[in-house]
Amino acid sequence: MEKKKWSTQKMIYTAMLAALAGALMSLEISVPMMPPFYKLDFSDIPSIIALFLMGPASAAAVEVIKILIKLVTVGTNTMYVGEFANLIGIALFVIPMWLVYKKMGKNRKAAIVSMVSSVAIRTAFACFCNACITLPLYAKAMELPLDQVIQMVASVNPSITNLTSFIILATIPFNVIKIGLNCIAGYLLYERIHKVSFVKRAVEA
C-alpha cells in the first residue's frame, strides 16, 4: 500500500512538471539574427528536473504532455513542423542522458557529463532534422521552394546564403544556447528541489 502511495505522488509530480513545461513552452522569445521560427523557451527545465528526480519515463511523459498542452492552448506557429521535430527528439533527449547519468553513478559529475552529451547529441540531431525533415516540411507547408525559405532567413542574417550556412550559423548556435541554458537551469533547480525532505522521500520510495 505504501508503494502505491508513493507511485501516486510521483504521478502528481510528473503532472505538475508537465503543466509547468506546457506553460513555459508557450512563452517563446525571439532570438536576434535567427530565423523567425527559431524561438527560445525554457520548457525543457521541468523535463530535466523530472529526469534527474524520477527517471526517464517521467521525463518523457513531461515532454509529450507539454507539446499537447501547447497545441491545445496556443496552437502552432510553425505549421506543426516544430512540434513534430520535438516529438522526434524526445527519445534522443531522454535515453542518452539517462544512460550516461545512470552508468556514471547518478552524481553531480554524471549529471554534468550527461547534460554535455545531451547538448551534443540533440544539436547533431537538430542539424540532420533541419536539413532533411523540418525545413523541407516547413517549405512544403508554406508552399514555397526550399531556396526561398532560406532567402527569407537571410533577411535577418545576411551571412546565411544556403542550407549549409543555415545549419552552421543558425541551427548549431541556437540549439547549443537553448539546450545548454535549459540544462543548467534545470539541474540547479533539481538540486534545490531534491533537498526538500518530503519530495526526496516520495521519489526515492
N, C-alpha and C. Protein backbone atom coordinates (compact mmCIF):
# COMPACT_ATOMS: atom_id res chain seq x y z
N MET A 1 0.84 -1.21 0.00
CA MET A 1 0.00 0.00 0.00
C MET A 1 0.86 1.25 0.00
N GLU A 2 1.97 1.22 0.74
CA GLU A 2 2.87 2.38 0.81
C GLU A 2 3.49 2.66 -0.55
N LYS A 3 3.83 1.58 -1.27
CA LYS A 3 4.45 1.75 -2.58
C LYS A 3 3.51 2.45 -3.55
N LYS A 4 2.20 2.06 -3.47
CA LYS A 4 1.20 2.68 -4.33
C LYS A 4 1.05 4.15 -4.01
N LYS A 5 1.12 4.47 -2.71
CA LYS A 5 1.01 5.87 -2.30
C LYS A 5 2.11 6.71 -2.94
N TRP A 6 3.35 6.22 -2.85
CA TRP A 6 4.45 6.98 -3.42
C TRP A 6 4.36 7.03 -4.94
N SER A 7 3.91 5.96 -5.59
CA SER A 7 3.74 5.95 -7.04
C SER A 7 2.72 7.01 -7.45
N THR A 8 1.68 7.17 -6.67
CA THR A 8 0.68 8.20 -6.94
C THR A 8 1.30 9.59 -6.82
N GLN A 9 2.15 9.77 -5.83
CA GLN A 9 2.81 11.07 -5.66
C GLN A 9 3.73 11.37 -6.84
N LYS A 10 4.42 10.35 -7.32
CA LYS A 10 5.29 10.56 -8.48
C LYS A 10 4.47 10.98 -9.70
N MET A 11 3.28 10.38 -9.85
CA MET A 11 2.41 10.76 -10.95
C MET A 11 1.96 12.21 -10.82
N ILE A 12 1.69 12.62 -9.60
CA ILE A 12 1.28 14.00 -9.36
C ILE A 12 2.41 14.97 -9.69
N TYR A 13 3.63 14.63 -9.24
CA TYR A 13 4.78 15.48 -9.54
C TYR A 13 5.02 15.58 -11.05
N THR A 14 4.87 14.45 -11.74
CA THR A 14 5.05 14.43 -13.19
C THR A 14 4.01 15.33 -13.86
N ALA A 15 2.77 15.23 -13.42
CA ALA A 15 1.70 16.05 -14.00
C ALA A 15 1.95 17.54 -13.74
N MET A 16 2.42 17.86 -12.54
CA MET A 16 2.71 19.26 -12.22
C MET A 16 3.84 19.81 -13.09
N LEU A 17 4.89 19.01 -13.25
CA LEU A 17 6.01 19.43 -14.09
C LEU A 17 5.59 19.55 -15.56
N ALA A 18 4.71 18.65 -16.01
CA ALA A 18 4.22 18.71 -17.39
C ALA A 18 3.40 19.98 -17.62
N ALA A 19 2.57 20.33 -16.66
CA ALA A 19 1.77 21.56 -16.77
C ALA A 19 2.67 22.79 -16.82
N LEU A 20 3.71 22.79 -15.98
CA LEU A 20 4.66 23.90 -15.98
C LEU A 20 5.40 23.97 -17.31
N ALA A 21 5.80 22.81 -17.84
CA ALA A 21 6.51 22.77 -19.12
C ALA A 21 5.63 23.28 -20.25
N GLY A 22 4.34 22.91 -20.23
CA GLY A 22 3.42 23.40 -21.24
C GLY A 22 3.28 24.91 -21.21
N ALA A 23 3.23 25.47 -19.99
CA ALA A 23 3.15 26.93 -19.87
C ALA A 23 4.43 27.61 -20.35
N LEU A 24 5.58 27.04 -19.99
CA LEU A 24 6.86 27.61 -20.40
C LEU A 24 7.06 27.52 -21.92
N MET A 25 6.55 26.45 -22.52
CA MET A 25 6.70 26.30 -23.97
C MET A 25 5.92 27.37 -24.72
N SER A 26 4.88 27.89 -24.10
CA SER A 26 4.08 28.95 -24.74
C SER A 26 4.74 30.31 -24.61
N LEU A 27 5.73 30.43 -23.72
CA LEU A 27 6.42 31.70 -23.53
C LEU A 27 7.71 31.69 -24.36
N GLU A 28 7.58 31.98 -25.62
CA GLU A 28 8.70 31.90 -26.54
C GLU A 28 9.34 33.28 -26.74
N ILE A 29 10.65 33.28 -26.89
CA ILE A 29 11.41 34.52 -27.05
C ILE A 29 12.14 34.48 -28.39
N SER A 30 11.99 35.52 -29.17
CA SER A 30 12.72 35.60 -30.42
C SER A 30 14.19 35.84 -30.16
N VAL A 31 15.04 35.26 -30.99
CA VAL A 31 16.48 35.40 -30.84
C VAL A 31 17.02 36.23 -32.00
N PRO A 32 17.78 37.29 -31.72
CA PRO A 32 18.33 38.12 -32.79
C PRO A 32 19.18 37.32 -33.77
N MET A 33 19.10 37.65 -35.03
CA MET A 33 19.88 37.03 -36.10
C MET A 33 19.50 35.58 -36.34
N MET A 34 18.34 35.16 -35.84
CA MET A 34 17.88 33.80 -36.03
C MET A 34 16.59 33.80 -36.85
N PRO A 35 16.28 32.69 -37.52
CA PRO A 35 15.03 32.57 -38.28
C PRO A 35 13.83 32.84 -37.39
N PRO A 36 12.74 33.35 -37.95
CA PRO A 36 11.55 33.67 -37.14
C PRO A 36 10.91 32.46 -36.50
N PHE A 37 11.15 31.27 -37.04
CA PHE A 37 10.57 30.07 -36.45
C PHE A 37 11.49 29.44 -35.41
N TYR A 38 12.63 30.06 -35.13
CA TYR A 38 13.50 29.62 -34.04
C TYR A 38 13.18 30.48 -32.81
N LYS A 39 12.54 29.88 -31.84
CA LYS A 39 12.14 30.59 -30.63
C LYS A 39 12.79 29.94 -29.41
N LEU A 40 13.29 30.79 -28.53
CA LEU A 40 13.91 30.29 -27.29
C LEU A 40 12.84 30.14 -26.22
N ASP A 41 12.79 28.98 -25.60
CA ASP A 41 11.90 28.78 -24.45
C ASP A 41 12.62 27.91 -23.43
N PHE A 42 12.04 27.84 -22.25
CA PHE A 42 12.68 27.10 -21.16
C PHE A 42 11.83 25.91 -20.72
N SER A 43 11.12 25.32 -21.68
CA SER A 43 10.22 24.22 -21.36
C SER A 43 10.93 22.91 -21.09
N ASP A 44 12.23 22.82 -21.36
CA ASP A 44 12.97 21.60 -21.04
C ASP A 44 13.37 21.54 -19.57
N ILE A 45 13.26 22.66 -18.87
CA ILE A 45 13.65 22.68 -17.46
C ILE A 45 12.84 21.67 -16.63
N PRO A 46 11.50 21.66 -16.73
CA PRO A 46 10.74 20.64 -15.97
C PRO A 46 11.09 19.22 -16.39
N SER A 47 11.39 19.00 -17.67
CA SER A 47 11.75 17.66 -18.14
C SER A 47 13.06 17.20 -17.53
N ILE A 48 14.01 18.11 -17.43
CA ILE A 48 15.32 17.77 -16.84
C ILE A 48 15.17 17.50 -15.35
N ILE A 49 14.35 18.30 -14.68
CA ILE A 49 14.07 18.04 -13.27
C ILE A 49 13.44 16.66 -13.10
N ALA A 50 12.46 16.34 -13.95
CA ALA A 50 11.78 15.04 -13.88
C ALA A 50 12.76 13.90 -14.14
N LEU A 51 13.68 14.09 -15.08
CA LEU A 51 14.64 13.04 -15.41
C LEU A 51 15.53 12.71 -14.22
N PHE A 52 16.14 13.73 -13.63
CA PHE A 52 17.04 13.51 -12.50
C PHE A 52 16.28 13.09 -11.24
N LEU A 53 15.05 13.56 -11.11
CA LEU A 53 14.29 13.30 -9.89
C LEU A 53 13.58 11.95 -9.92
N MET A 54 12.98 11.61 -11.08
CA MET A 54 12.11 10.43 -11.13
C MET A 54 12.41 9.45 -12.25
N GLY A 55 13.34 9.78 -13.14
CA GLY A 55 13.71 8.82 -14.17
C GLY A 55 13.18 9.15 -15.56
N PRO A 56 13.54 8.32 -16.55
CA PRO A 56 13.25 8.62 -17.96
C PRO A 56 11.77 8.58 -18.33
N ALA A 57 10.98 7.71 -17.69
CA ALA A 57 9.55 7.63 -18.02
C ALA A 57 8.85 8.93 -17.68
N SER A 58 9.18 9.49 -16.53
CA SER A 58 8.59 10.76 -16.11
C SER A 58 9.01 11.89 -17.04
N ALA A 59 10.29 11.92 -17.40
CA ALA A 59 10.79 12.97 -18.30
C ALA A 59 10.12 12.89 -19.67
N ALA A 60 9.98 11.68 -20.20
CA ALA A 60 9.32 11.51 -21.50
C ALA A 60 7.86 11.95 -21.44
N ALA A 61 7.20 11.60 -20.33
CA ALA A 61 5.79 12.00 -20.17
C ALA A 61 5.66 13.51 -20.14
N VAL A 62 6.56 14.19 -19.44
CA VAL A 62 6.54 15.65 -19.38
C VAL A 62 6.71 16.24 -20.78
N GLU A 63 7.64 15.68 -21.56
CA GLU A 63 7.89 16.18 -22.91
C GLU A 63 6.67 16.04 -23.81
N VAL A 64 6.03 14.88 -23.77
CA VAL A 64 4.87 14.63 -24.62
C VAL A 64 3.69 15.51 -24.20
N ILE A 65 3.43 15.56 -22.91
CA ILE A 65 2.27 16.32 -22.41
C ILE A 65 2.43 17.80 -22.68
N LYS A 66 3.65 18.32 -22.57
CA LYS A 66 3.84 19.76 -22.78
C LYS A 66 3.51 20.15 -24.22
N ILE A 67 3.84 19.27 -25.17
CA ILE A 67 3.53 19.56 -26.57
C ILE A 67 2.02 19.56 -26.78
N LEU A 68 1.33 18.61 -26.17
CA LEU A 68 -0.12 18.55 -26.29
C LEU A 68 -0.77 19.78 -25.65
N ILE A 69 -0.24 20.21 -24.51
CA ILE A 69 -0.78 21.40 -23.84
C ILE A 69 -0.63 22.62 -24.74
N LYS A 70 0.53 22.78 -25.34
CA LYS A 70 0.75 23.94 -26.20
C LYS A 70 -0.17 23.93 -27.42
N LEU A 71 -0.33 22.76 -28.02
CA LEU A 71 -1.19 22.67 -29.20
C LEU A 71 -2.64 23.00 -28.86
N VAL A 72 -3.09 22.56 -27.68
CA VAL A 72 -4.48 22.80 -27.28
C VAL A 72 -4.70 24.26 -26.88
N THR A 73 -3.76 24.84 -26.16
CA THR A 73 -3.96 26.18 -25.60
C THR A 73 -3.53 27.31 -26.53
N VAL A 74 -2.46 27.09 -27.28
CA VAL A 74 -1.89 28.17 -28.12
C VAL A 74 -1.97 27.84 -29.60
N GLY A 75 -1.86 26.56 -29.92
CA GLY A 75 -1.77 26.19 -31.33
C GLY A 75 -0.31 26.15 -31.76
N THR A 76 -0.09 26.25 -33.04
CA THR A 76 1.27 26.18 -33.57
C THR A 76 1.56 27.40 -34.43
N ASN A 77 2.80 27.88 -34.36
CA ASN A 77 3.23 28.96 -35.26
C ASN A 77 4.25 28.45 -36.27
N THR A 78 4.43 27.13 -36.29
CA THR A 78 5.36 26.53 -37.26
C THR A 78 4.65 25.51 -38.15
N MET A 79 3.32 25.61 -38.20
CA MET A 79 2.52 24.69 -39.01
C MET A 79 2.77 23.23 -38.62
N TYR A 80 2.95 23.01 -37.31
CA TYR A 80 3.15 21.69 -36.70
C TYR A 80 4.53 21.08 -36.98
N VAL A 81 5.35 21.77 -37.74
CA VAL A 81 6.68 21.24 -38.05
C VAL A 81 7.54 21.20 -36.79
N GLY A 82 7.52 22.29 -36.01
CA GLY A 82 8.32 22.35 -34.79
C GLY A 82 7.89 21.30 -33.78
N GLU A 83 6.59 21.12 -33.63
CA GLU A 83 6.09 20.12 -32.70
C GLU A 83 6.47 18.70 -33.14
N PHE A 84 6.42 18.48 -34.45
CA PHE A 84 6.83 17.17 -34.98
C PHE A 84 8.29 16.90 -34.68
N ALA A 85 9.13 17.91 -34.85
CA ALA A 85 10.56 17.76 -34.56
C ALA A 85 10.79 17.50 -33.08
N ASN A 86 10.01 18.17 -32.23
CA ASN A 86 10.15 17.95 -30.79
C ASN A 86 9.80 16.52 -30.40
N LEU A 87 8.77 15.98 -31.01
CA LEU A 87 8.39 14.60 -30.72
C LEU A 87 9.49 13.62 -31.12
N ILE A 88 10.10 13.88 -32.27
CA ILE A 88 11.19 13.01 -32.73
C ILE A 88 12.36 13.07 -31.75
N GLY A 89 12.63 14.26 -31.24
CA GLY A 89 13.80 14.45 -30.40
C GLY A 89 13.65 13.97 -28.96
N ILE A 90 12.45 13.57 -28.54
CA ILE A 90 12.25 13.17 -27.14
C ILE A 90 13.15 12.00 -26.76
N ALA A 91 13.17 10.99 -27.61
CA ALA A 91 13.99 9.81 -27.30
C ALA A 91 15.46 10.16 -27.22
N LEU A 92 15.92 11.05 -28.11
CA LEU A 92 17.33 11.45 -28.11
C LEU A 92 17.66 12.33 -26.91
N PHE A 93 16.65 12.93 -26.32
CA PHE A 93 16.87 13.72 -25.12
C PHE A 93 16.91 12.81 -23.89
N VAL A 94 15.94 11.94 -23.76
CA VAL A 94 15.76 11.17 -22.54
C VAL A 94 16.74 10.01 -22.42
N ILE A 95 16.82 9.17 -23.46
CA ILE A 95 17.57 7.92 -23.36
C ILE A 95 19.07 8.13 -23.15
N PRO A 96 19.77 8.89 -24.03
CA PRO A 96 21.22 9.03 -23.81
C PRO A 96 21.56 9.72 -22.49
N MET A 97 20.78 10.74 -22.15
CA MET A 97 21.06 11.48 -20.93
C MET A 97 20.91 10.59 -19.70
N TRP A 98 19.84 9.77 -19.67
CA TRP A 98 19.63 8.89 -18.55
C TRP A 98 20.68 7.79 -18.48
N LEU A 99 21.04 7.22 -19.63
CA LEU A 99 22.02 6.12 -19.64
C LEU A 99 23.38 6.59 -19.11
N VAL A 100 23.81 7.78 -19.54
CA VAL A 100 25.08 8.32 -19.07
C VAL A 100 25.01 8.61 -17.57
N TYR A 101 23.92 9.25 -17.16
CA TYR A 101 23.74 9.61 -15.75
C TYR A 101 23.73 8.38 -14.86
N LYS A 102 23.02 7.35 -15.29
CA LYS A 102 22.92 6.12 -14.50
C LYS A 102 24.24 5.36 -14.47
N LYS A 103 24.90 5.26 -15.63
CA LYS A 103 26.15 4.50 -15.72
C LYS A 103 27.26 5.12 -14.89
N MET A 104 27.27 6.44 -14.79
CA MET A 104 28.33 7.12 -14.06
C MET A 104 28.05 7.28 -12.57
N GLY A 105 26.90 6.76 -12.12
CA GLY A 105 26.66 6.74 -10.68
C GLY A 105 25.69 7.76 -10.13
N LYS A 106 24.99 8.48 -10.98
CA LYS A 106 23.96 9.43 -10.55
C LYS A 106 24.48 10.47 -9.56
N ASN A 107 25.66 11.00 -9.84
CA ASN A 107 26.21 12.07 -9.00
C ASN A 107 26.32 13.36 -9.83
N ARG A 108 26.91 14.39 -9.23
CA ARG A 108 26.98 15.67 -9.93
C ARG A 108 27.82 15.59 -11.19
N LYS A 109 28.95 14.88 -11.12
CA LYS A 109 29.78 14.71 -12.32
C LYS A 109 29.02 13.99 -13.42
N ALA A 110 28.26 12.96 -13.03
CA ALA A 110 27.46 12.22 -14.00
C ALA A 110 26.42 13.12 -14.65
N ALA A 111 25.83 13.99 -13.84
CA ALA A 111 24.81 14.90 -14.36
C ALA A 111 25.42 15.87 -15.38
N ILE A 112 26.60 16.41 -15.06
CA ILE A 112 27.26 17.36 -15.97
C ILE A 112 27.61 16.68 -17.28
N VAL A 113 28.21 15.48 -17.19
CA VAL A 113 28.59 14.76 -18.42
C VAL A 113 27.36 14.40 -19.24
N SER A 114 26.28 13.99 -18.57
CA SER A 114 25.06 13.62 -19.28
C SER A 114 24.44 14.83 -19.98
N MET A 115 24.52 16.00 -19.36
CA MET A 115 23.96 17.21 -19.97
C MET A 115 24.80 17.66 -21.16
N VAL A 116 26.13 17.59 -21.02
CA VAL A 116 27.00 17.93 -22.15
C VAL A 116 26.74 16.98 -23.32
N SER A 117 26.58 15.70 -22.99
CA SER A 117 26.27 14.71 -24.03
C SER A 117 24.95 15.03 -24.70
N SER A 118 23.98 15.44 -23.89
CA SER A 118 22.66 15.76 -24.42
C SER A 118 22.72 16.95 -25.39
N VAL A 119 23.49 17.97 -25.01
CA VAL A 119 23.63 19.14 -25.88
C VAL A 119 24.23 18.73 -27.22
N ALA A 120 25.28 17.91 -27.18
CA ALA A 120 25.96 17.48 -28.41
C ALA A 120 25.05 16.62 -29.28
N ILE A 121 24.39 15.63 -28.66
CA ILE A 121 23.54 14.70 -29.43
C ILE A 121 22.34 15.42 -30.02
N ARG A 122 21.69 16.25 -29.21
CA ARG A 122 20.48 16.92 -29.69
C ARG A 122 20.79 17.99 -30.73
N THR A 123 21.96 18.61 -30.61
CA THR A 123 22.36 19.60 -31.62
C THR A 123 22.66 18.90 -32.94
N ALA A 124 23.35 17.75 -32.86
CA ALA A 124 23.63 16.98 -34.07
C ALA A 124 22.34 16.52 -34.72
N PHE A 125 21.39 16.06 -33.90
CA PHE A 125 20.10 15.64 -34.43
C PHE A 125 19.37 16.81 -35.07
N ALA A 126 19.44 17.98 -34.43
CA ALA A 126 18.77 19.16 -34.96
C ALA A 126 19.31 19.52 -36.34
N CYS A 127 20.62 19.36 -36.53
CA CYS A 127 21.22 19.64 -37.84
C CYS A 127 20.65 18.70 -38.90
N PHE A 128 20.62 17.41 -38.57
CA PHE A 128 20.05 16.44 -39.51
C PHE A 128 18.57 16.69 -39.74
N CYS A 129 17.85 16.95 -38.64
CA CYS A 129 16.41 17.13 -38.72
C CYS A 129 16.05 18.37 -39.55
N ASN A 130 16.80 19.45 -39.35
CA ASN A 130 16.53 20.67 -40.11
C ASN A 130 16.82 20.49 -41.59
N ALA A 131 17.93 19.82 -41.88
CA ALA A 131 18.34 19.66 -43.28
C ALA A 131 17.44 18.69 -44.04
N CYS A 132 17.00 17.63 -43.36
CA CYS A 132 16.31 16.54 -44.07
C CYS A 132 14.81 16.46 -43.80
N ILE A 133 14.36 17.06 -42.67
CA ILE A 133 12.95 16.88 -42.32
C ILE A 133 12.22 18.21 -42.15
N THR A 134 12.62 18.99 -41.13
CA THR A 134 11.80 20.14 -40.76
C THR A 134 11.80 21.27 -41.79
N LEU A 135 12.97 21.62 -42.32
CA LEU A 135 13.00 22.68 -43.33
C LEU A 135 12.23 22.30 -44.59
N PRO A 136 12.43 21.10 -45.14
CA PRO A 136 11.61 20.69 -46.29
C PRO A 136 10.11 20.68 -45.97
N LEU A 137 9.74 20.20 -44.76
CA LEU A 137 8.33 20.19 -44.39
C LEU A 137 7.80 21.61 -44.21
N TYR A 138 8.61 22.48 -43.62
CA TYR A 138 8.23 23.87 -43.43
C TYR A 138 8.02 24.54 -44.77
N ALA A 139 8.92 24.29 -45.70
CA ALA A 139 8.79 24.85 -47.05
C ALA A 139 7.52 24.33 -47.74
N LYS A 140 7.27 23.04 -47.55
CA LYS A 140 6.07 22.45 -48.16
C LYS A 140 4.80 23.01 -47.55
N ALA A 141 4.82 23.19 -46.23
CA ALA A 141 3.64 23.74 -45.55
C ALA A 141 3.36 25.17 -46.00
N MET A 142 4.42 25.92 -46.28
CA MET A 142 4.27 27.30 -46.75
C MET A 142 4.07 27.37 -48.27
N GLU A 143 4.18 26.20 -48.91
CA GLU A 143 4.05 26.12 -50.38
C GLU A 143 5.10 27.00 -51.06
N LEU A 144 6.32 26.88 -50.56
CA LEU A 144 7.44 27.64 -51.11
C LEU A 144 8.60 26.69 -51.39
N PRO A 145 9.45 27.02 -52.37
CA PRO A 145 10.67 26.22 -52.58
C PRO A 145 11.60 26.38 -51.38
N LEU A 146 12.41 25.37 -51.13
CA LEU A 146 13.33 25.41 -50.00
C LEU A 146 14.29 26.59 -50.12
N ASP A 147 14.76 26.88 -51.32
CA ASP A 147 15.68 28.01 -51.53
C ASP A 147 15.04 29.32 -51.11
N GLN A 148 13.74 29.45 -51.33
CA GLN A 148 13.06 30.69 -50.96
C GLN A 148 12.93 30.82 -49.45
N VAL A 149 12.74 29.70 -48.78
CA VAL A 149 12.71 29.72 -47.32
C VAL A 149 14.06 30.18 -46.77
N ILE A 150 15.14 29.67 -47.35
CA ILE A 150 16.48 30.09 -46.95
C ILE A 150 16.67 31.58 -47.18
N GLN A 151 16.14 32.10 -48.29
CA GLN A 151 16.23 33.53 -48.58
C GLN A 151 15.48 34.36 -47.53
N MET A 152 14.35 33.83 -47.06
CA MET A 152 13.61 34.52 -46.00
C MET A 152 14.45 34.62 -44.73
N VAL A 153 15.19 33.54 -44.44
CA VAL A 153 16.07 33.54 -43.28
C VAL A 153 17.18 34.55 -43.45
N ALA A 154 17.69 34.67 -44.68
CA ALA A 154 18.80 35.59 -44.96
C ALA A 154 18.43 37.04 -44.69
N SER A 155 17.14 37.33 -44.64
CA SER A 155 16.71 38.70 -44.37
C SER A 155 17.06 39.13 -42.94
N VAL A 156 17.21 38.18 -42.02
CA VAL A 156 17.58 38.52 -40.65
C VAL A 156 19.06 38.26 -40.37
N ASN A 157 19.68 37.48 -41.24
CA ASN A 157 21.11 37.20 -41.12
C ASN A 157 21.68 37.05 -42.52
N PRO A 158 22.22 38.12 -43.09
CA PRO A 158 22.71 38.09 -44.47
C PRO A 158 23.83 37.07 -44.71
N SER A 159 24.48 36.61 -43.64
CA SER A 159 25.56 35.62 -43.79
C SER A 159 25.02 34.25 -44.19
N ILE A 160 23.73 34.04 -43.98
CA ILE A 160 23.10 32.77 -44.36
C ILE A 160 22.68 32.85 -45.82
N THR A 161 23.30 32.03 -46.65
CA THR A 161 23.02 32.07 -48.08
C THR A 161 22.54 30.74 -48.65
N ASN A 162 22.77 29.65 -47.90
CA ASN A 162 22.34 28.34 -48.38
C ASN A 162 22.09 27.43 -47.17
N LEU A 163 21.76 26.19 -47.44
CA LEU A 163 21.42 25.27 -46.35
C LEU A 163 22.61 25.02 -45.41
N THR A 164 23.80 24.92 -45.96
CA THR A 164 24.98 24.68 -45.13
C THR A 164 25.23 25.82 -44.16
N SER A 165 25.17 27.04 -44.66
CA SER A 165 25.39 28.20 -43.78
C SER A 165 24.24 28.35 -42.79
N PHE A 166 23.05 27.92 -43.18
CA PHE A 166 21.92 27.94 -42.25
C PHE A 166 22.20 27.03 -41.05
N ILE A 167 22.70 25.83 -41.34
CA ILE A 167 22.99 24.86 -40.28
C ILE A 167 24.10 25.39 -39.37
N ILE A 168 25.16 25.94 -39.98
CA ILE A 168 26.32 26.38 -39.21
C ILE A 168 26.03 27.64 -38.40
N LEU A 169 25.32 28.60 -39.00
CA LEU A 169 25.13 29.90 -38.38
C LEU A 169 23.83 30.06 -37.61
N ALA A 170 22.89 29.14 -37.81
CA ALA A 170 21.61 29.25 -37.13
C ALA A 170 21.32 28.02 -36.26
N THR A 171 21.28 26.85 -36.89
CA THR A 171 20.87 25.65 -36.16
C THR A 171 21.81 25.31 -35.00
N ILE A 172 23.10 25.27 -35.28
CA ILE A 172 24.06 24.87 -34.24
C ILE A 172 24.09 25.86 -33.07
N PRO A 173 24.32 27.16 -33.31
CA PRO A 173 24.37 28.08 -32.16
C PRO A 173 23.06 28.17 -31.40
N PHE A 174 21.93 28.14 -32.12
CA PHE A 174 20.64 28.24 -31.44
C PHE A 174 20.43 27.07 -30.49
N ASN A 175 20.69 25.85 -30.97
CA ASN A 175 20.45 24.67 -30.15
C ASN A 175 21.43 24.56 -28.98
N VAL A 176 22.68 24.94 -29.20
CA VAL A 176 23.65 24.92 -28.10
C VAL A 176 23.22 25.89 -27.00
N ILE A 177 22.77 27.08 -27.40
CA ILE A 177 22.32 28.08 -26.43
C ILE A 177 21.06 27.61 -25.71
N LYS A 178 20.07 27.19 -26.49
CA LYS A 178 18.78 26.81 -25.89
C LYS A 178 18.92 25.59 -24.98
N ILE A 179 19.51 24.53 -25.48
CA ILE A 179 19.62 23.30 -24.69
C ILE A 179 20.55 23.50 -23.50
N GLY A 180 21.64 24.23 -23.73
CA GLY A 180 22.59 24.49 -22.64
C GLY A 180 21.96 25.27 -21.49
N LEU A 181 21.21 26.33 -21.81
CA LEU A 181 20.56 27.12 -20.76
C LEU A 181 19.52 26.29 -20.02
N ASN A 182 18.76 25.48 -20.75
CA ASN A 182 17.76 24.64 -20.11
C ASN A 182 18.40 23.61 -19.18
N CYS A 183 19.51 23.03 -19.62
CA CYS A 183 20.20 22.03 -18.80
C CYS A 183 20.74 22.64 -17.51
N ILE A 184 21.39 23.78 -17.63
CA ILE A 184 21.98 24.43 -16.45
C ILE A 184 20.90 24.80 -15.45
N ALA A 185 19.85 25.48 -15.93
CA ALA A 185 18.77 25.91 -15.04
C ALA A 185 18.04 24.71 -14.46
N GLY A 186 17.81 23.69 -15.27
CA GLY A 186 17.09 22.50 -14.81
C GLY A 186 17.84 21.78 -13.71
N TYR A 187 19.14 21.62 -13.87
CA TYR A 187 19.90 20.89 -12.85
C TYR A 187 20.02 21.69 -11.56
N LEU A 188 20.22 22.99 -11.68
CA LEU A 188 20.31 23.82 -10.47
C LEU A 188 19.01 23.77 -9.68
N LEU A 189 17.88 23.80 -10.37
CA LEU A 189 16.59 23.70 -9.69
C LEU A 189 16.38 22.31 -9.10
N TYR A 190 16.82 21.28 -9.84
CA TYR A 190 16.71 19.91 -9.33
C TYR A 190 17.46 19.76 -8.01
N GLU A 191 18.66 20.31 -7.93
CA GLU A 191 19.44 20.19 -6.69
C GLU A 191 18.71 20.81 -5.50
N ARG A 192 18.02 21.92 -5.75
CA ARG A 192 17.28 22.56 -4.66
C ARG A 192 16.04 21.74 -4.29
N ILE A 193 15.31 21.28 -5.32
CA ILE A 193 14.07 20.54 -5.06
C ILE A 193 14.37 19.21 -4.37
N HIS A 194 15.44 18.54 -4.78
CA HIS A 194 15.76 17.22 -4.23
C HIS A 194 16.14 17.29 -2.76
N LYS A 195 16.52 18.47 -2.29
CA LYS A 195 16.88 18.61 -0.88
C LYS A 195 15.65 18.75 0.02
N VAL A 196 14.50 19.01 -0.60
CA VAL A 196 13.26 19.11 0.19
C VAL A 196 12.88 17.72 0.67
N SER A 197 12.74 17.53 1.95
CA SER A 197 12.63 16.20 2.55
C SER A 197 11.45 15.39 2.02
N PHE A 198 10.24 15.99 1.92
CA PHE A 198 9.09 15.18 1.53
C PHE A 198 9.15 14.81 0.05
N VAL A 199 9.78 15.67 -0.77
CA VAL A 199 9.97 15.33 -2.17
C VAL A 199 10.96 14.19 -2.30
N LYS A 200 12.05 14.27 -1.57
CA LYS A 200 13.07 13.23 -1.61
C LYS A 200 12.51 11.87 -1.18
N ARG A 201 11.68 11.85 -0.15
CA ARG A 201 11.09 10.59 0.30
C ARG A 201 10.15 10.03 -0.76
N ALA A 202 9.41 10.89 -1.41
CA ALA A 202 8.43 10.45 -2.40
C ALA A 202 9.09 9.83 -3.61
N VAL A 203 10.11 10.47 -4.16
CA VAL A 203 10.71 10.00 -5.40
C VAL A 203 11.65 8.82 -5.17
N GLU A 204 12.14 8.66 -3.95
CA GLU A 204 13.04 7.54 -3.68
C GLU A 204 12.32 6.31 -3.14
N ALA A 205 11.01 6.45 -2.92
CA ALA A 205 10.24 5.31 -2.41
C ALA A 205 10.09 4.23 -3.46
